[in-house]
Amino acid sequence: MTSKKPLSSIIALTNQFGTLSDLAHKFASLEDLANRDLCQSTLNKVSRTHSFSLLTNPYDHLLYHTYNILAFSKLYCFTDSSNELYTLNN
């Protein structure tokens, strides 16, 4: 017989960060843009974030590069998407 964990303990494990913005700088607004399929706005936000050097942690860079790659792909800019993906190797 398997015992089920209480839902509250599962939520506590999955919500170790208070908000999405705790995970990365202004991540909640970036996710909102992506969810509304505003790809050009997503690219602009990522570009501004990089230009102001607001990303301090490696996972911040990874998250923003990922959204950049997805936005380029949705805009059918596959060469730009591929180049962005290539920069993750460096």
C-alpha atoms as a PDB file:
ATOM      1  CA  MET A   1       0.000   0.000   0.000  1.00  0.00           C
ATOM      2  CA  THR A   2       1.389   3.363  -0.954  1.00  0.00           C
ATOM      3  CA  SER A   3       0.962   6.359   1.264  1.00  0.00           C
ATOM      4  CA  LYS A   4       0.136   9.667  -0.354  1.00  0.00           C
ATOM      5  CA  LYS A   5       1.965  12.789   0.698  1.00  0.00           C
ATOM      6  CA  PRO A   6      -0.184  15.674   1.833  1.00  0.00           C
ATOM      7  CA  LEU A   7      -0.723  18.284  -0.848  1.00  0.00           C
ATOM      8  CA  SER A   8       0.756  21.017   1.339  1.00  0.00           C
ATOM      9  CA  SER A   9       4.132  19.256   1.494  1.00  0.00           C
ATOM     10  CA  ILE A  10       4.163  18.839  -2.291  1.00  0.00           C
ATOM     11  CA  ILE A  11       3.386  22.522  -2.793  1.00  0.00           C
ATOM     12  CA  ALA A  12       6.119  23.477  -0.327  1.00  0.00           C
ATOM     13  CA  LEU A  13       8.628  21.463  -2.344  1.00  0.00           C
ATOM     14  CA  THR A  14       7.610  22.892  -5.698  1.00  0.00           C
ATOM     15  CA  ASN A  15       7.305  26.507  -4.506  1.00  0.00           C
ATOM     16  CA  GLN A  16      10.747  26.923  -3.003  1.00  0.00           C
ATOM     17  CA  PHE A  17      10.880  30.379  -4.591  1.00  0.00           C
ATOM     18  CA  GLY A  18       8.184  32.809  -3.438  1.00  0.00           C
ATOM     19  CA  THR A  19       7.377  34.156  -6.893  1.00  0.00           C
ATOM     20  CA  LEU A  20       8.635  33.715 -10.428  1.00  0.00           C
ATOM     21  CA  SER A  21      10.516  36.995 -10.066  1.00  0.00           C
ATOM     22  CA  ASP A  22      12.438  35.458  -7.145  1.00  0.00           C
ATOM     23  CA  LEU A  23      13.706  32.862  -9.581  1.00  0.00           C
ATOM     24  CA  ALA A  24      15.093  35.378 -12.076  1.00  0.00           C
ATOM     25  CA  HIS A  25      14.975  39.136 -12.594  1.00  0.00           C
ATOM     26  CA  LYS A  26      11.465  40.168 -13.740  1.00  0.00           C
ATOM     27  CA  PHE A  27      10.770  36.627 -14.871  1.00  0.00           C
ATOM     28  CA  ALA A  28       7.015  36.870 -14.242  1.00  0.00           C
ATOM     29  CA  SER A  29       6.614  39.695 -16.753  1.00  0.00           C
ATOM     30  CA  LEU A  30       8.737  37.812 -19.286  1.00  0.00           C
ATOM     31  CA  GLU A  31       6.577  34.731 -18.873  1.00  0.00           C
ATOM     32  CA  ASP A  32       3.449  36.871 -19.258  1.00  0.00           C
ATOM     33  CA  LEU A  33       4.711  38.252 -22.577  1.00  0.00           C
ATOM     34  CA  ALA A  34       5.536  34.759 -23.819  1.00  0.00           C
ATOM     35  CA  ASN A  35       2.161  33.368 -22.743  1.00  0.00           C
ATOM     36  CA  ARG A  36       0.382  36.100 -24.702  1.00  0.00           C
ATOM     37  CA  ASP A  37       2.463  35.257 -27.816  1.00  0.00           C
ATOM     38  CA  LEU A  38       4.082  38.689 -27.895  1.00  0.00           C
ATOM     39  CA  CYS A  39       7.315  37.374 -29.360  1.00  0.00           C
ATOM     40  CA  GLN A  40       8.785  40.688 -30.474  1.00  0.00           C
ATOM     41  CA  SER A  41       8.120  42.170 -27.023  1.00  0.00           C
ATOM     42  CA  THR A  42       9.774  39.124 -25.463  1.00  0.00           C
ATOM     43  CA  LEU A  43      12.860  39.665 -27.622  1.00  0.00           C
ATOM     44  CA  ASN A  44      12.936  43.362 -26.695  1.00  0.00           C
ATOM     45  CA  LYS A  45      12.669  42.607 -22.970  1.00  0.00           C
ATOM     46  CA  VAL A  46      15.464  40.037 -23.134  1.00  0.00           C
ATOM     47  CA  SER A  47      17.621  42.473 -25.097  1.00  0.00           C
ATOM     48  CA  ARG A  48      17.041  45.287 -22.580  1.00  0.00           C
ATOM     49  CA  THR A  49      17.775  42.955 -19.679  1.00  0.00           C
ATOM     50  CA  HIS A  50      21.078  41.919 -21.254  1.00  0.00           C
ATOM     51  CA  SER A  51      22.037  45.507 -22.116  1.00  0.00           C
ATOM     52  CA  PHE A  52      21.522  46.675 -18.517  1.00  0.00           C
ATOM     53  CA  SER A  53      23.428  43.643 -17.142  1.00  0.00           C
ATOM     54  CA  LEU A  54      20.562  42.721 -14.829  1.00  0.00           C
ATOM     55  CA  LEU A  55      21.235  38.998 -14.994  1.00  0.00           C
ATOM     56  CA  THR A  56      23.608  37.923 -12.266  1.00  0.00           C
ATOM     57  CA  ASN A  57      23.158  34.159 -11.906  1.00  0.00           C
ATOM     58  CA  PRO A  58      23.819  31.435 -14.467  1.00  0.00           C
ATOM     59  CA  TYR A  59      20.217  30.214 -14.306  1.00  0.00           C
ATOM     60  CA  ASP A  60      19.022  33.780 -15.058  1.00  0.00           C
ATOM     61  CA  HIS A  61      21.009  33.694 -18.284  1.00  0.00           C
ATOM     62  CA  LEU A  62      19.724  30.226 -19.126  1.00  0.00           C
ATOM     63  CA  LEU A  63      16.081  31.221 -18.613  1.00  0.00           C
ATOM     64  CA  TYR A  64      16.378  34.395 -20.663  1.00  0.00           C
ATOM     65  CA  HIS A  65      18.287  32.646 -23.471  1.00  0.00           C
ATOM     66  CA  THR A  66      15.597  29.952 -23.534  1.00  0.00           C
ATOM     67  CA  TYR A  67      12.822  32.518 -23.941  1.00  0.00           C
ATOM     68  CA  ASN A  68      14.887  34.251 -26.620  1.00  0.00           C
ATOM     69  CA  ILE A  69      15.277  30.984 -28.541  1.00  0.00           C
ATOM     70  CA  LEU A  70      11.559  30.231 -28.312  1.00  0.00           C
ATOM     71  CA  ALA A  71      10.600  33.754 -29.438  1.00  0.00           C
ATOM     72  CA  PHE A  72      12.945  33.575 -32.430  1.00  0.00           C
ATOM     73  CA  SER A  73      11.472  30.189 -33.356  1.00  0.00           C
ATOM     74  CA  LYS A  74       7.896  31.480 -33.147  1.00  0.00           C
ATOM     75  CA  LEU A  75       8.861  34.373 -35.418  1.00  0.00           C
ATOM     76  CA  TYR A  76      10.360  31.875 -37.909  1.00  0.00           C
ATOM     77  CA  CYS A  77      13.849  33.326 -37.396  1.00  0.00           C
ATOM     78  CA  PHE A  78      15.442  29.911 -37.258  1.00  0.00           C
ATOM     79  CA  THR A  79      18.969  31.141 -38.011  1.00  0.00           C
ATOM     80  CA  ASP A  80      18.799  33.582 -35.100  1.00  0.00           C
ATOM     81  CA  SER A  81      17.334  30.873 -32.904  1.00  0.00           C
ATOM     82  CA  SER A  82      20.117  28.506 -33.869  1.00  0.00           C
ATOM     83  CA  ASN A  83      22.770  31.156 -33.204  1.00  0.00           C
ATOM     84  CA  GLU A  84      21.264  31.875 -29.789  1.00  0.00           C
ATOM     85  CA  LEU A  85      21.304  28.175 -28.990  1.00  0.00           C
ATOM     86  CA  TYR A  86      24.926  27.973 -30.114  1.00  0.00           C
ATOM     87  CA  THR A  87      25.884  30.756 -27.666  1.00  0.00           C
ATOM     88  CA  LEU A  88      24.718  28.589 -24.782  1.00  0.00           C
ATOM     89  CA  ASN A  89      27.663  26.277 -25.475  1.00  0.00           C
ATOM     90  CA  ASN A  90      30.120  29.087 -24.758  1.00  0.00           C
END
